Amino acid sequence: MLNSYLLLTFAIILEVAGTMLLPLTQNFTKILPTFALAVFYIGSFYCLTFSLNLIPISIVYATWSGMGIFLITILGYFIYRETVNWQVAIGLLLIITGVVLVNIYSFSSFKITS
């Protein structure tokens, strides 16, 4: 189970890294950032598929997308100087709350088999 969550964490990190490179590709005209973006996305999906061995797909996707949105917003604020108003901050708090709740209570409703 721990390995599945570790792979899910790597998938999130790679997806966030790839997404943060999107502006640098300048509509895919810059070769190096475009290549790095593709490698990060492929690596993310690769790790994501292995995390599905023990974690249900609904939990994996909710965690992957929720944490990705959260991290991209935070990094966008610091790296690209994007604005984050109080409504966005509340939304991010709700996303994190949802991800935590889904992960805590998901295994009581799913039967996991190997």
PDB file of N, CA and C in Angstrom:
ATOM      1  N   MET A   1       0.828  -1.199   0.000  1.00  0.00           N
ATOM      2  CA  MET A   1       0.000   0.000   0.000  1.00  0.00           C
ATOM      3  C   MET A   1       0.868   1.257   0.000  1.00  0.00           C
ATOM      4  N   LEU A   2       1.929   1.247   0.804  1.00  0.00           N
ATOM      5  CA  LEU A   2       2.816   2.401   0.873  1.00  0.00           C
ATOM      6  C   LEU A   2       3.466   2.675  -0.479  1.00  0.00           C
ATOM      7  N   ASN A   3       3.868   1.611  -1.183  1.00  0.00           N
ATOM      8  CA  ASN A   3       4.466   1.790  -2.505  1.00  0.00           C
ATOM      9  C   ASN A   3       3.484   2.425  -3.477  1.00  0.00           C
ATOM     10  N   SER A   4       2.215   2.062  -3.391  1.00  0.00           N
ATOM     11  CA  SER A   4       1.206   2.653  -4.265  1.00  0.00           C
ATOM     12  C   SER A   4       1.071   4.144  -4.010  1.00  0.00           C
ATOM     13  N   TYR A   5       1.080   4.545  -2.748  1.00  0.00           N
ATOM     14  CA  TYR A   5       0.992   5.972  -2.434  1.00  0.00           C
ATOM     15  C   TYR A   5       2.291   6.702  -2.786  1.00  0.00           C
ATOM     16  N   LEU A   6       3.411   6.033  -2.691  1.00  0.00           N
ATOM     17  CA  LEU A   6       4.676   6.628  -3.108  1.00  0.00           C
ATOM     18  C   LEU A   6       4.672   6.873  -4.618  1.00  0.00           C
ATOM     19  N   LEU A   7       4.196   5.898  -5.382  1.00  0.00           N
ATOM     20  CA  LEU A   7       4.093   6.072  -6.836  1.00  0.00           C
ATOM     21  C   LEU A   7       3.084   7.157  -7.186  1.00  0.00           C
ATOM     22  N   LEU A   8       2.005   7.243  -6.429  1.00  0.00           N
ATOM     23  CA  LEU A   8       1.027   8.310  -6.656  1.00  0.00           C
ATOM     24  C   LEU A   8       1.654   9.674  -6.376  1.00  0.00           C
ATOM     25  N   THR A   9       2.470   9.765  -5.352  1.00  0.00           N
ATOM     26  CA  THR A   9       3.179  11.014  -5.041  1.00  0.00           C
ATOM     27  C   THR A   9       4.121  11.399  -6.177  1.00  0.00           C
ATOM     28  N   PHE A  10       4.872  10.436  -6.704  1.00  0.00           N
ATOM     29  CA  PHE A  10       5.749  10.713  -7.845  1.00  0.00           C
ATOM     30  C   PHE A  10       4.936  11.156  -9.058  1.00  0.00           C
ATOM     31  N   ALA A  11       3.786  10.522  -9.275  1.00  0.00           N
ATOM     32  CA  ALA A  11       2.923  10.897 -10.397  1.00  0.00           C
ATOM     33  C   ALA A  11       2.455  12.343 -10.262  1.00  0.00           C
ATOM     34  N   ILE A  12       2.106  12.739  -9.062  1.00  0.00           N
ATOM     35  CA  ILE A  12       1.660  14.117  -8.824  1.00  0.00           C
ATOM     36  C   ILE A  12       2.800  15.090  -9.077  1.00  0.00           C
ATOM     37  N   ILE A  13       3.978  14.785  -8.558  1.00  0.00           N
ATOM     38  CA  ILE A  13       5.136  15.673  -8.724  1.00  0.00           C
ATOM     39  C   ILE A  13       5.489  15.821 -10.207  1.00  0.00           C
ATOM     40  N   LEU A  14       5.496  14.722 -10.945  1.00  0.00           N
ATOM     41  CA  LEU A  14       5.831  14.776 -12.374  1.00  0.00           C
ATOM     42  C   LEU A  14       4.778  15.539 -13.163  1.00  0.00           C
ATOM     43  N   GLU A  15       3.507  15.349 -12.820  1.00  0.00           N
ATOM     44  CA  GLU A  15       2.437  16.059 -13.523  1.00  0.00           C
ATOM     45  C   GLU A  15       2.523  17.559 -13.258  1.00  0.00           C
ATOM     46  N   VAL A  16       2.801  17.934 -12.036  1.00  0.00           N
ATOM     47  CA  VAL A  16       2.931  19.347 -11.683  1.00  0.00           C
ATOM     48  C   VAL A  16       4.138  19.952 -12.395  1.00  0.00           C
ATOM     49  N   ALA A  17       5.244  19.235 -12.426  1.00  0.00           N
ATOM     50  CA  ALA A  17       6.438  19.731 -13.126  1.00  0.00           C
ATOM     51  C   ALA A  17       6.149  19.937 -14.606  1.00  0.00           C
ATOM     52  N   GLY A  18       5.464  18.985 -15.216  1.00  0.00           N
ATOM     53  CA  GLY A  18       5.113  19.114 -16.623  1.00  0.00           C
ATOM     54  C   GLY A  18       4.199  20.300 -16.873  1.00  0.00           C
ATOM     55  N   THR A  19       3.198  20.469 -16.038  1.00  0.00           N
ATOM     56  CA  THR A  19       2.258  21.573 -16.209  1.00  0.00           C
ATOM     57  C   THR A  19       2.945  22.918 -16.014  1.00  0.00           C
ATOM     58  N   MET A  20       3.863  22.993 -15.077  1.00  0.00           N
ATOM     59  CA  MET A  20       4.579  24.252 -14.861  1.00  0.00           C
ATOM     60  C   MET A  20       5.454  24.627 -16.051  1.00  0.00           C
ATOM     61  N   LEU A  21       5.795  23.648 -16.882  1.00  0.00           N
ATOM     62  CA  LEU A  21       6.591  23.928 -18.081  1.00  0.00           C
ATOM     63  C   LEU A  21       5.752  24.428 -19.254  1.00  0.00           C
ATOM     64  N   LEU A  22       4.439  24.295 -19.176  1.00  0.00           N
ATOM     65  CA  LEU A  22       3.589  24.685 -20.303  1.00  0.00           C
ATOM     66  C   LEU A  22       3.858  26.107 -20.813  1.00  0.00           C
ATOM     67  N   PRO A  23       3.923  27.127 -19.952  1.00  0.00           N
ATOM     68  CA  PRO A  23       4.193  28.471 -20.478  1.00  0.00           C
ATOM     69  C   PRO A  23       5.566  28.593 -21.144  1.00  0.00           C
ATOM     70  N   LEU A  24       6.525  27.805 -20.670  1.00  0.00           N
ATOM     71  CA  LEU A  24       7.878  27.888 -21.219  1.00  0.00           C
ATOM     72  C   LEU A  24       7.990  27.278 -22.613  1.00  0.00           C
ATOM     73  N   THR A  25       7.039  26.424 -22.987  1.00  0.00           N
ATOM     74  CA  THR A  25       7.093  25.811 -24.314  1.00  0.00           C
ATOM     75  C   THR A  25       6.722  26.800 -25.407  1.00  0.00           C
ATOM     76  N   GLN A  26       6.091  27.913 -25.048  1.00  0.00           N
ATOM     77  CA  GLN A  26       5.633  28.925 -25.995  1.00  0.00           C
ATOM     78  C   GLN A  26       4.898  28.268 -27.164  1.00  0.00           C
ATOM     79  N   ASN A  27       3.770  27.616 -26.802  1.00  0.00           N
ATOM     80  CA  ASN A  27       2.928  26.897 -27.777  1.00  0.00           C
ATOM     81  C   ASN A  27       3.705  25.796 -28.494  1.00  0.00           C
ATOM     82  N   PHE A  28       4.531  25.113 -27.759  1.00  0.00           N
ATOM     83  CA  PHE A  28       5.323  23.976 -28.243  1.00  0.00           C
ATOM     84  C   PHE A  28       6.325  24.355 -29.337  1.00  0.00           C
ATOM     85  N   THR A  29       6.787  25.589 -29.309  1.00  0.00           N
ATOM     86  CA  THR A  29       7.803  26.014 -30.273  1.00  0.00           C
ATOM     87  C   THR A  29       9.218  25.907 -29.712  1.00  0.00           C
ATOM     88  N   LYS A  30       9.343  25.801 -28.401  1.00  0.00           N
ATOM     89  CA  LYS A  30      10.654  25.636 -27.762  1.00  0.00           C
ATOM     90  C   LYS A  30      10.877  24.149 -27.511  1.00  0.00           C
ATOM     91  N   ILE A  31      11.903  23.588 -28.116  1.00  0.00           N
ATOM     92  CA  ILE A  31      12.115  22.139 -28.123  1.00  0.00           C
ATOM     93  C   ILE A  31      12.403  21.573 -26.729  1.00  0.00           C
ATOM     94  N   LEU A  32      13.337  22.159 -26.007  1.00  0.00           N
ATOM     95  CA  LEU A  32      13.747  21.594 -24.720  1.00  0.00           C
ATOM     96  C   LEU A  32      12.609  21.563 -23.693  1.00  0.00           C
ATOM     97  N   PRO A  33      11.907  22.688 -23.466  1.00  0.00           N
ATOM     98  CA  PRO A  33      10.796  22.612 -22.508  1.00  0.00           C
ATOM     99  C   PRO A  33       9.673  21.675 -22.977  1.00  0.00           C
ATOM    100  N   THR A  34       9.446  21.607 -24.270  1.00  0.00           N
ATOM    101  CA  THR A  34       8.411  20.710 -24.802  1.00  0.00           C
ATOM    102  C   THR A  34       8.799  19.260 -24.577  1.00  0.00           C
ATOM    103  N   PHE A  35      10.053  18.931 -24.810  1.00  0.00           N
ATOM    104  CA  PHE A  35      10.530  17.564 -24.579  1.00  0.00           C
ATOM    105  C   PHE A  35      10.442  17.206 -23.095  1.00  0.00           C
ATOM    106  N   ALA A  36      10.881  18.129 -22.232  1.00  0.00           N
ATOM    107  CA  ALA A  36      10.822  17.883 -20.788  1.00  0.00           C
ATOM    108  C   ALA A  36       9.375  17.710 -20.336  1.00  0.00           C
ATOM    109  N   LEU A  37       8.474  18.533 -20.846  1.00  0.00           N
ATOM    110  CA  LEU A  37       7.056  18.414 -20.516  1.00  0.00           C
ATOM    111  C   LEU A  37       6.533  17.028 -20.880  1.00  0.00           C
ATOM    112  N   ALA A  38       6.855  16.549 -22.067  1.00  0.00           N
ATOM    113  CA  ALA A  38       6.405  15.229 -22.509  1.00  0.00           C
ATOM    114  C   ALA A  38       6.965  14.128 -21.616  1.00  0.00           C
ATOM    115  N   VAL A  39       8.224  14.239 -21.246  1.00  0.00           N
ATOM    116  CA  VAL A  39       8.842  13.236 -20.370  1.00  0.00           C
ATOM    117  C   VAL A  39       8.155  13.232 -19.009  1.00  0.00           C
ATOM    118  N   PHE A  40       7.889  14.409 -18.470  1.00  0.00           N
ATOM    119  CA  PHE A  40       7.225  14.493 -17.164  1.00  0.00           C
ATOM    120  C   PHE A  40       5.820  13.908 -17.210  1.00  0.00           C
ATOM    121  N   TYR A  41       5.056  14.235 -18.259  1.00  0.00           N
ATOM    122  CA  TYR A  41       3.692  13.700 -18.369  1.00  0.00           C
ATOM    123  C   TYR A  41       3.690  12.187 -18.558  1.00  0.00           C
ATOM    124  N   ILE A  42       4.572  11.697 -19.400  1.00  0.00           N
ATOM    125  CA  ILE A  42       4.653  10.237 -19.596  1.00  0.00           C
ATOM    126  C   ILE A  42       5.057   9.559 -18.294  1.00  0.00           C
ATOM    127  N   GLY A  43       6.032  10.116 -17.598  1.00  0.00           N
ATOM    128  CA  GLY A  43       6.443   9.571 -16.307  1.00  0.00           C
ATOM    129  C   GLY A  43       5.316   9.606 -15.295  1.00  0.00           C
ATOM    130  N   SER A  44       4.530  10.668 -15.320  1.00  0.00           N
ATOM    131  CA  SER A  44       3.404  10.782 -14.409  1.00  0.00           C
ATOM    132  C   SER A  44       2.381   9.679 -14.650  1.00  0.00           C
ATOM    133  N   PHE A  45       2.005   9.480 -15.898  1.00  0.00           N
ATOM    134  CA  PHE A  45       1.033   8.434 -16.212  1.00  0.00           C
ATOM    135  C   PHE A  45       1.595   7.039 -15.946  1.00  0.00           C
ATOM    136  N   TYR A  46       2.874   6.874 -16.143  1.00  0.00           N
ATOM    137  CA  TYR A  46       3.513   5.586 -15.846  1.00  0.00           C
ATOM    138  C   TYR A  46       3.386   5.266 -14.357  1.00  0.00           C
ATOM    139  N   CYS A  47       3.739   6.223 -13.512  1.00  0.00           N
ATOM    140  CA  CYS A  47       3.614   6.025 -12.064  1.00  0.00           C
ATOM    141  C   CYS A  47       2.155   5.873 -11.657  1.00  0.00           C
ATOM    142  N   LEU A  48       1.291   6.618 -12.308  1.00  0.00           N
ATOM    143  CA  LEU A  48      -0.131   6.560 -11.990  1.00  0.00           C
ATOM    144  C   LEU A  48      -0.711   5.171 -12.216  1.00  0.00           C
ATOM    145  N   THR A  49      -0.304   4.516 -13.290  1.00  0.00           N
ATOM    146  CA  THR A  49      -0.845   3.188 -13.583  1.00  0.00           C
ATOM    147  C   THR A  49      -0.430   2.171 -12.521  1.00  0.00           C
ATOM    148  N   PHE A  50       0.777   2.288 -11.996  1.00  0.00           N
ATOM    149  CA  PHE A  50       1.224   1.341 -10.982  1.00  0.00           C
ATOM    150  C   PHE A  50       0.584   1.608  -9.617  1.00  0.00           C
ATOM    151  N   SER A  51       0.195   2.851  -9.372  1.00  0.00           N
ATOM    152  CA  SER A  51      -0.481   3.129  -8.106  1.00  0.00           C
ATOM    153  C   SER A  51      -1.877   2.510  -8.084  1.00  0.00           C
ATOM    154  N   LEU A  52      -2.400   2.175  -9.248  1.00  0.00           N
ATOM    155  CA  LEU A  52      -3.728   1.564  -9.340  1.00  0.00           C
ATOM    156  C   LEU A  52      -3.753   0.094  -8.916  1.00  0.00           C
ATOM    157  N   ASN A  53      -2.596  -0.486  -8.658  1.00  0.00           N
ATOM    158  CA  ASN A  53      -2.556  -1.886  -8.238  1.00  0.00           C
ATOM    159  C   ASN A  53      -3.286  -2.112  -6.915  1.00  0.00           C
ATOM    160  N   LEU A  54      -3.228  -1.160  -6.007  1.00  0.00           N
ATOM    161  CA  LEU A  54      -3.862  -1.327  -4.700  1.00  0.00           C
ATOM    162  C   LEU A  54      -4.872  -0.238  -4.343  1.00  0.00           C
ATOM    163  N   ILE A  55      -4.837   0.875  -5.056  1.00  0.00           N
ATOM    164  CA  ILE A  55      -5.731   1.985  -4.744  1.00  0.00           C
ATOM    165  C   ILE A  55      -6.784   2.076  -5.850  1.00  0.00           C
ATOM    166  N   PRO A  56      -8.058   2.200  -5.499  1.00  0.00           N
ATOM    167  CA  PRO A  56      -9.104   2.313  -6.520  1.00  0.00           C
ATOM    168  C   PRO A  56      -8.898   3.539  -7.409  1.00  0.00           C
ATOM    169  N   ILE A  57      -9.296   3.421  -8.667  1.00  0.00           N
ATOM    170  CA  ILE A  57      -9.065   4.496  -9.640  1.00  0.00           C
ATOM    171  C   ILE A  57      -9.732   5.805  -9.226  1.00  0.00           C
ATOM    172  N   SER A  58     -10.886   5.736  -8.601  1.00  0.00           N
ATOM    173  CA  SER A  58     -11.564   6.965  -8.174  1.00  0.00           C
ATOM    174  C   SER A  58     -10.742   7.712  -7.126  1.00  0.00           C
ATOM    175  N   ILE A  59     -10.088   6.980  -6.256  1.00  0.00           N
ATOM    176  CA  ILE A  59      -9.260   7.597  -5.216  1.00  0.00           C
ATOM    177  C   ILE A  59      -7.967   8.133  -5.816  1.00  0.00           C
ATOM    178  N   VAL A  60      -7.365   7.341  -6.697  1.00  0.00           N
ATOM    179  CA  VAL A  60      -6.132   7.768  -7.362  1.00  0.00           C
ATOM    180  C   VAL A  60      -6.366   9.054  -8.138  1.00  0.00           C
ATOM    181  N   TYR A  61      -7.427   9.080  -8.931  1.00  0.00           N
ATOM    182  CA  TYR A  61      -7.659  10.254  -9.770  1.00  0.00           C
ATOM    183  C   TYR A  61      -8.031  11.473  -8.932  1.00  0.00           C
ATOM    184  N   ALA A  62      -8.854  11.292  -7.903  1.00  0.00           N
ATOM    185  CA  ALA A  62      -9.223  12.415  -7.046  1.00  0.00           C
ATOM    186  C   ALA A  62      -7.986  13.002  -6.365  1.00  0.00           C
ATOM    187  N   THR A  63      -7.111  12.139  -5.895  1.00  0.00           N
ATOM    188  CA  THR A  63      -5.894  12.592  -5.217  1.00  0.00           C
ATOM    189  C   THR A  63      -4.941  13.253  -6.209  1.00  0.00           C
ATOM    190  N   TRP A  64      -4.733  12.617  -7.354  1.00  0.00           N
ATOM    191  CA  TRP A  64      -3.812  13.125  -8.372  1.00  0.00           C
ATOM    192  C   TRP A  64      -4.252  14.493  -8.878  1.00  0.00           C
ATOM    193  N   SER A  65      -5.517  14.607  -9.237  1.00  0.00           N
ATOM    194  CA  SER A  65      -5.984  15.879  -9.793  1.00  0.00           C
ATOM    195  C   SER A  65      -6.111  16.949  -8.715  1.00  0.00           C
ATOM    196  N   GLY A  66      -6.615  16.578  -7.537  1.00  0.00           N
ATOM    197  CA  GLY A  66      -6.774  17.557  -6.469  1.00  0.00           C
ATOM    198  C   GLY A  66      -5.451  18.129  -5.992  1.00  0.00           C
ATOM    199  N   MET A  67      -4.506  17.252  -5.732  1.00  0.00           N
ATOM    200  CA  MET A  67      -3.196  17.727  -5.286  1.00  0.00           C
ATOM    201  C   MET A  67      -2.470  18.472  -6.405  1.00  0.00           C
ATOM    202  N   GLY A  68      -2.683  18.032  -7.641  1.00  0.00           N
ATOM    203  CA  GLY A  68      -2.089  18.738  -8.773  1.00  0.00           C
ATOM    204  C   GLY A  68      -2.596  20.166  -8.871  1.00  0.00           C
ATOM    205  N   ILE A  69      -3.915  20.345  -8.750  1.00  0.00           N
ATOM    206  CA  ILE A  69      -4.501  21.692  -8.789  1.00  0.00           C
ATOM    207  C   ILE A  69      -3.938  22.551  -7.661  1.00  0.00           C
ATOM    208  N   PHE A  70      -3.884  21.974  -6.477  1.00  0.00           N
ATOM    209  CA  PHE A  70      -3.376  22.714  -5.324  1.00  0.00           C
ATOM    210  C   PHE A  70      -1.929  23.161  -5.541  1.00  0.00           C
ATOM    211  N   LEU A  71      -1.069  22.221  -5.910  1.00  0.00           N
ATOM    212  CA  LEU A  71       0.352  22.542  -6.076  1.00  0.00           C
ATOM    213  C   LEU A  71       0.610  23.495  -7.242  1.00  0.00           C
ATOM    214  N   ILE A  72      -0.121  23.318  -8.342  1.00  0.00           N
ATOM    215  CA  ILE A  72       0.059  24.210  -9.492  1.00  0.00           C
ATOM    216  C   ILE A  72      -0.362  25.636  -9.134  1.00  0.00           C
ATOM    217  N   THR A  73      -1.429  25.777  -8.376  1.00  0.00           N
ATOM    218  CA  THR A  73      -1.867  27.113  -7.959  1.00  0.00           C
ATOM    219  C   THR A  73      -0.827  27.762  -7.059  1.00  0.00           C
ATOM    220  N   ILE A  74      -0.310  27.009  -6.101  1.00  0.00           N
ATOM    221  CA  ILE A  74       0.700  27.552  -5.184  1.00  0.00           C
ATOM    222  C   ILE A  74       1.978  27.919  -5.949  1.00  0.00           C
ATOM    223  N   LEU A  75       2.451  27.014  -6.799  1.00  0.00           N
ATOM    224  CA  LEU A  75       3.666  27.295  -7.572  1.00  0.00           C
ATOM    225  C   LEU A  75       3.441  28.430  -8.570  1.00  0.00           C
ATOM    226  N   GLY A  76       2.255  28.491  -9.165  1.00  0.00           N
ATOM    227  CA  GLY A  76       1.940  29.590 -10.079  1.00  0.00           C
ATOM    228  C   GLY A  76       1.991  30.932  -9.382  1.00  0.00           C
ATOM    229  N   TYR A  77       1.585  30.953  -8.131  1.00  0.00           N
ATOM    230  CA  TYR A  77       1.642  32.187  -7.339  1.00  0.00           C
ATOM    231  C   TYR A  77       3.090  32.633  -7.143  1.00  0.00           C
ATOM    232  N   PHE A  78       3.960  31.696  -6.792  1.00  0.00           N
ATOM    233  CA  PHE A  78       5.350  32.057  -6.495  1.00  0.00           C
ATOM    234  C   PHE A  78       6.218  32.198  -7.747  1.00  0.00           C
ATOM    235  N   ILE A  79       6.013  31.367  -8.750  1.00  0.00           N
ATOM    236  CA  ILE A  79       6.886  31.379  -9.925  1.00  0.00           C
ATOM    237  C   ILE A  79       6.405  32.353 -10.995  1.00  0.00           C
ATOM    238  N   TYR A  80       5.095  32.308 -11.306  1.00  0.00           N
ATOM    239  CA  TYR A  80       4.554  33.129 -12.387  1.00  0.00           C
ATOM    240  C   TYR A  80       3.815  34.366 -11.891  1.00  0.00           C
ATOM    241  N   ARG A  81       3.842  34.600 -10.585  1.00  0.00           N
ATOM    242  CA  ARG A  81       3.214  35.772  -9.965  1.00  0.00           C
ATOM    243  C   ARG A  81       1.719  35.872 -10.288  1.00  0.00           C
ATOM    244  N   GLU A  82       1.047  34.727 -10.338  1.00  0.00           N
ATOM    245  CA  GLU A  82      -0.396  34.712 -10.551  1.00  0.00           C
ATOM    246  C   GLU A  82      -1.093  35.083  -9.245  1.00  0.00           C
ATOM    247  N   THR A  83      -2.233  35.730  -9.379  1.00  0.00           N
ATOM    248  CA  THR A  83      -2.938  36.164  -8.181  1.00  0.00           C
ATOM    249  C   THR A  83      -3.766  35.022  -7.593  1.00  0.00           C
ATOM    250  N   VAL A  84      -3.815  35.018  -6.277  1.00  0.00           N
ATOM    251  CA  VAL A  84      -4.646  34.067  -5.538  1.00  0.00           C
ATOM    252  C   VAL A  84      -5.446  34.893  -4.534  1.00  0.00           C
ATOM    253  N   ASN A  85      -6.751  35.069  -4.821  1.00  0.00           N
ATOM    254  CA  ASN A  85      -7.589  35.831  -3.898  1.00  0.00           C
ATOM    255  C   ASN A  85      -8.160  34.906  -2.828  1.00  0.00           C
ATOM    256  N   TRP A  86      -8.938  35.468  -1.937  1.00  0.00           N
ATOM    257  CA  TRP A  86      -9.443  34.687  -0.804  1.00  0.00           C
ATOM    258  C   TRP A  86     -10.395  33.587  -1.253  1.00  0.00           C
ATOM    259  N   GLN A  87     -11.140  33.816  -2.337  1.00  0.00           N
ATOM    260  CA  GLN A  87     -12.042  32.784  -2.833  1.00  0.00           C
ATOM    261  C   GLN A  87     -11.268  31.571  -3.344  1.00  0.00           C
ATOM    262  N   VAL A  88     -10.162  31.837  -4.018  1.00  0.00           N
ATOM    263  CA  VAL A  88      -9.303  30.748  -4.508  1.00  0.00           C
ATOM    264  C   VAL A  88      -8.689  30.006  -3.322  1.00  0.00           C
ATOM    265  N   ALA A  89      -8.251  30.730  -2.326  1.00  0.00           N
ATOM    266  CA  ALA A  89      -7.661  30.097  -1.133  1.00  0.00           C
ATOM    267  C   ALA A  89      -8.675  29.185  -0.441  1.00  0.00           C
ATOM    268  N   ILE A  90      -9.912  29.628  -0.336  1.00  0.00           N
ATOM    269  CA  ILE A  90     -10.952  28.781   0.259  1.00  0.00           C
ATOM    270  C   ILE A  90     -11.191  27.555  -0.612  1.00  0.00           C
ATOM    271  N   GLY A  91     -11.223  27.746  -1.923  1.00  0.00           N
ATOM    272  CA  GLY A  91     -11.392  26.615  -2.830  1.00  0.00           C
ATOM    273  C   GLY A  91     -10.268  25.601  -2.684  1.00  0.00           C
ATOM    274  N   LEU A  92      -9.050  26.081  -2.559  1.00  0.00           N
ATOM    275  CA  LEU A  92      -7.907  25.179  -2.363  1.00  0.00           C
ATOM    276  C   LEU A  92      -8.017  24.427  -1.044  1.00  0.00           C
ATOM    277  N   LEU A  93      -8.456  25.119  -0.014  1.00  0.00           N
ATOM    278  CA  LEU A  93      -8.662  24.467   1.279  1.00  0.00           C
ATOM    279  C   LEU A  93      -9.721  23.367   1.165  1.00  0.00           C
ATOM    280  N   LEU A  94     -10.786  23.636   0.420  1.00  0.00           N
ATOM    281  CA  LEU A  94     -11.823  22.623   0.219  1.00  0.00           C
ATOM    282  C   LEU A  94     -11.306  21.440  -0.594  1.00  0.00           C
ATOM    283  N   ILE A  95     -10.448  21.700  -1.587  1.00  0.00           N
ATOM    284  CA  ILE A  95      -9.859  20.609  -2.369  1.00  0.00           C
ATOM    285  C   ILE A  95      -9.025  19.703  -1.470  1.00  0.00           C
ATOM    286  N   ILE A  96      -8.171  20.296  -0.655  1.00  0.00           N
ATOM    287  CA  ILE A  96      -7.321  19.509   0.236  1.00  0.00           C
ATOM    288  C   ILE A  96      -8.182  18.734   1.233  1.00  0.00           C
ATOM    289  N   THR A  97      -9.202  19.375   1.765  1.00  0.00           N
ATOM    290  CA  THR A  97     -10.107  18.688   2.695  1.00  0.00           C
ATOM    291  C   THR A  97     -10.767  17.501   2.007  1.00  0.00           C
ATOM    292  N   GLY A  98     -11.216  17.704   0.779  1.00  0.00           N
ATOM    293  CA  GLY A  98     -11.847  16.623   0.030  1.00  0.00           C
ATOM    294  C   GLY A  98     -10.895  15.468  -0.236  1.00  0.00           C
ATOM    295  N   VAL A  99      -9.686  15.769  -0.629  1.00  0.00           N
ATOM    296  CA  VAL A  99      -8.696  14.716  -0.896  1.00  0.00           C
ATOM    297  C   VAL A  99      -8.399  13.921   0.375  1.00  0.00           C
ATOM    298  N   VAL A 100      -8.247  14.615   1.488  1.00  0.00           N
ATOM    299  CA  VAL A 100      -7.979  13.927   2.756  1.00  0.00           C
ATOM    300  C   VAL A 100      -9.162  13.038   3.134  1.00  0.00           C
ATOM    301  N   LEU A 101     -10.371  13.565   3.040  1.00  0.00           N
ATOM    302  CA  LEU A 101     -11.548  12.779   3.399  1.00  0.00           C
ATOM    303  C   LEU A 101     -11.724  11.566   2.495  1.00  0.00           C
ATOM    304  N   VAL A 102     -11.523  11.756   1.208  1.00  0.00           N
ATOM    305  CA  VAL A 102     -11.657  10.636   0.265  1.00  0.00           C
ATOM    306  C   VAL A 102     -10.651   9.541   0.596  1.00  0.00           C
ATOM    307  N   ASN A 103      -9.433   9.918   0.920  1.00  0.00           N
ATOM    308  CA  ASN A 103      -8.408   8.919   1.237  1.00  0.00           C
ATOM    309  C   ASN A 103      -8.632   8.254   2.585  1.00  0.00           C
ATOM    310  N   ILE A 104      -9.133   8.981   3.538  1.00  0.00           N
ATOM    311  CA  ILE A 104      -9.368   8.390   4.861  1.00  0.00           C
ATOM    312  C   ILE A 104     -10.519   7.395   4.823  1.00  0.00           C
ATOM    313  N   TYR A 105     -11.607   7.772   4.163  1.00  0.00           N
ATOM    314  CA  TYR A 105     -12.823   6.969   4.239  1.00  0.00           C
ATOM    315  C   TYR A 105     -13.069   6.075   3.031  1.00  0.00           C
ATOM    316  N   SER A 106     -12.158   6.064   2.092  1.00  0.00           N
ATOM    317  CA  SER A 106     -12.401   5.294   0.858  1.00  0.00           C
ATOM    318  C   SER A 106     -12.299   3.805   1.058  1.00  0.00           C
ATOM    319  N   PHE A 107     -11.409   3.347   1.891  1.00  0.00           N
ATOM    320  CA  PHE A 107     -11.163   1.915   1.986  1.00  0.00           C
ATOM    321  C   PHE A 107     -12.224   1.171   2.796  1.00  0.00           C
ATOM    322  N   SER A 108     -13.094   1.900   3.450  1.00  0.00           N
ATOM    323  CA  SER A 108     -14.198   1.232   4.130  1.00  0.00           C
ATOM    324  C   SER A 108     -15.282   0.835   3.138  1.00  0.00           C
ATOM    325  N   SER A 109     -15.305   1.504   1.953  1.00  0.00           N
ATOM    326  CA  SER A 109     -16.353   1.199   0.981  1.00  0.00           C
ATOM    327  C   SER A 109     -15.853   0.387  -0.214  1.00  0.00           C
ATOM    328  N   PHE A 110     -14.554   0.177  -0.329  1.00  0.00           N
ATOM    329  CA  PHE A 110     -13.995  -0.586  -1.431  1.00  0.00           C
ATOM    330  C   PHE A 110     -13.367  -1.879  -0.918  1.00  0.00           C
ATOM    331  N   LYS A 111     -13.604  -2.934  -1.637  1.00  0.00           N
ATOM    332  CA  LYS A 111     -12.923  -4.186  -1.311  1.00  0.00           C
ATOM    333  C   LYS A 111     -11.728  -4.298  -2.242  1.00  0.00           C
ATOM    334  N   ILE A 112     -10.549  -4.362  -1.674  1.00  0.00           N
ATOM    335  CA  ILE A 112      -9.334  -4.381  -2.465  1.00  0.00           C
ATOM    336  C   ILE A 112      -8.823  -5.805  -2.562  1.00  0.00           C
ATOM    337  N   THR A 113      -8.589  -6.226  -3.785  1.00  0.00           N
ATOM    338  CA  THR A 113      -8.029  -7.549  -4.011  1.00  0.00           C
ATOM    339  C   THR A 113      -6.763  -7.416  -4.831  1.00  0.00           C
ATOM    340  N   SER A 114      -5.873  -8.345  -4.651  1.00  0.00           N
ATOM    341  CA  SER A 114      -4.618  -8.315  -5.416  1.00  0.00           C
ATOM    342  C   SER A 114      -4.595  -9.433  -6.418  1.00  0.00           C
TER     343      SER A 114
END
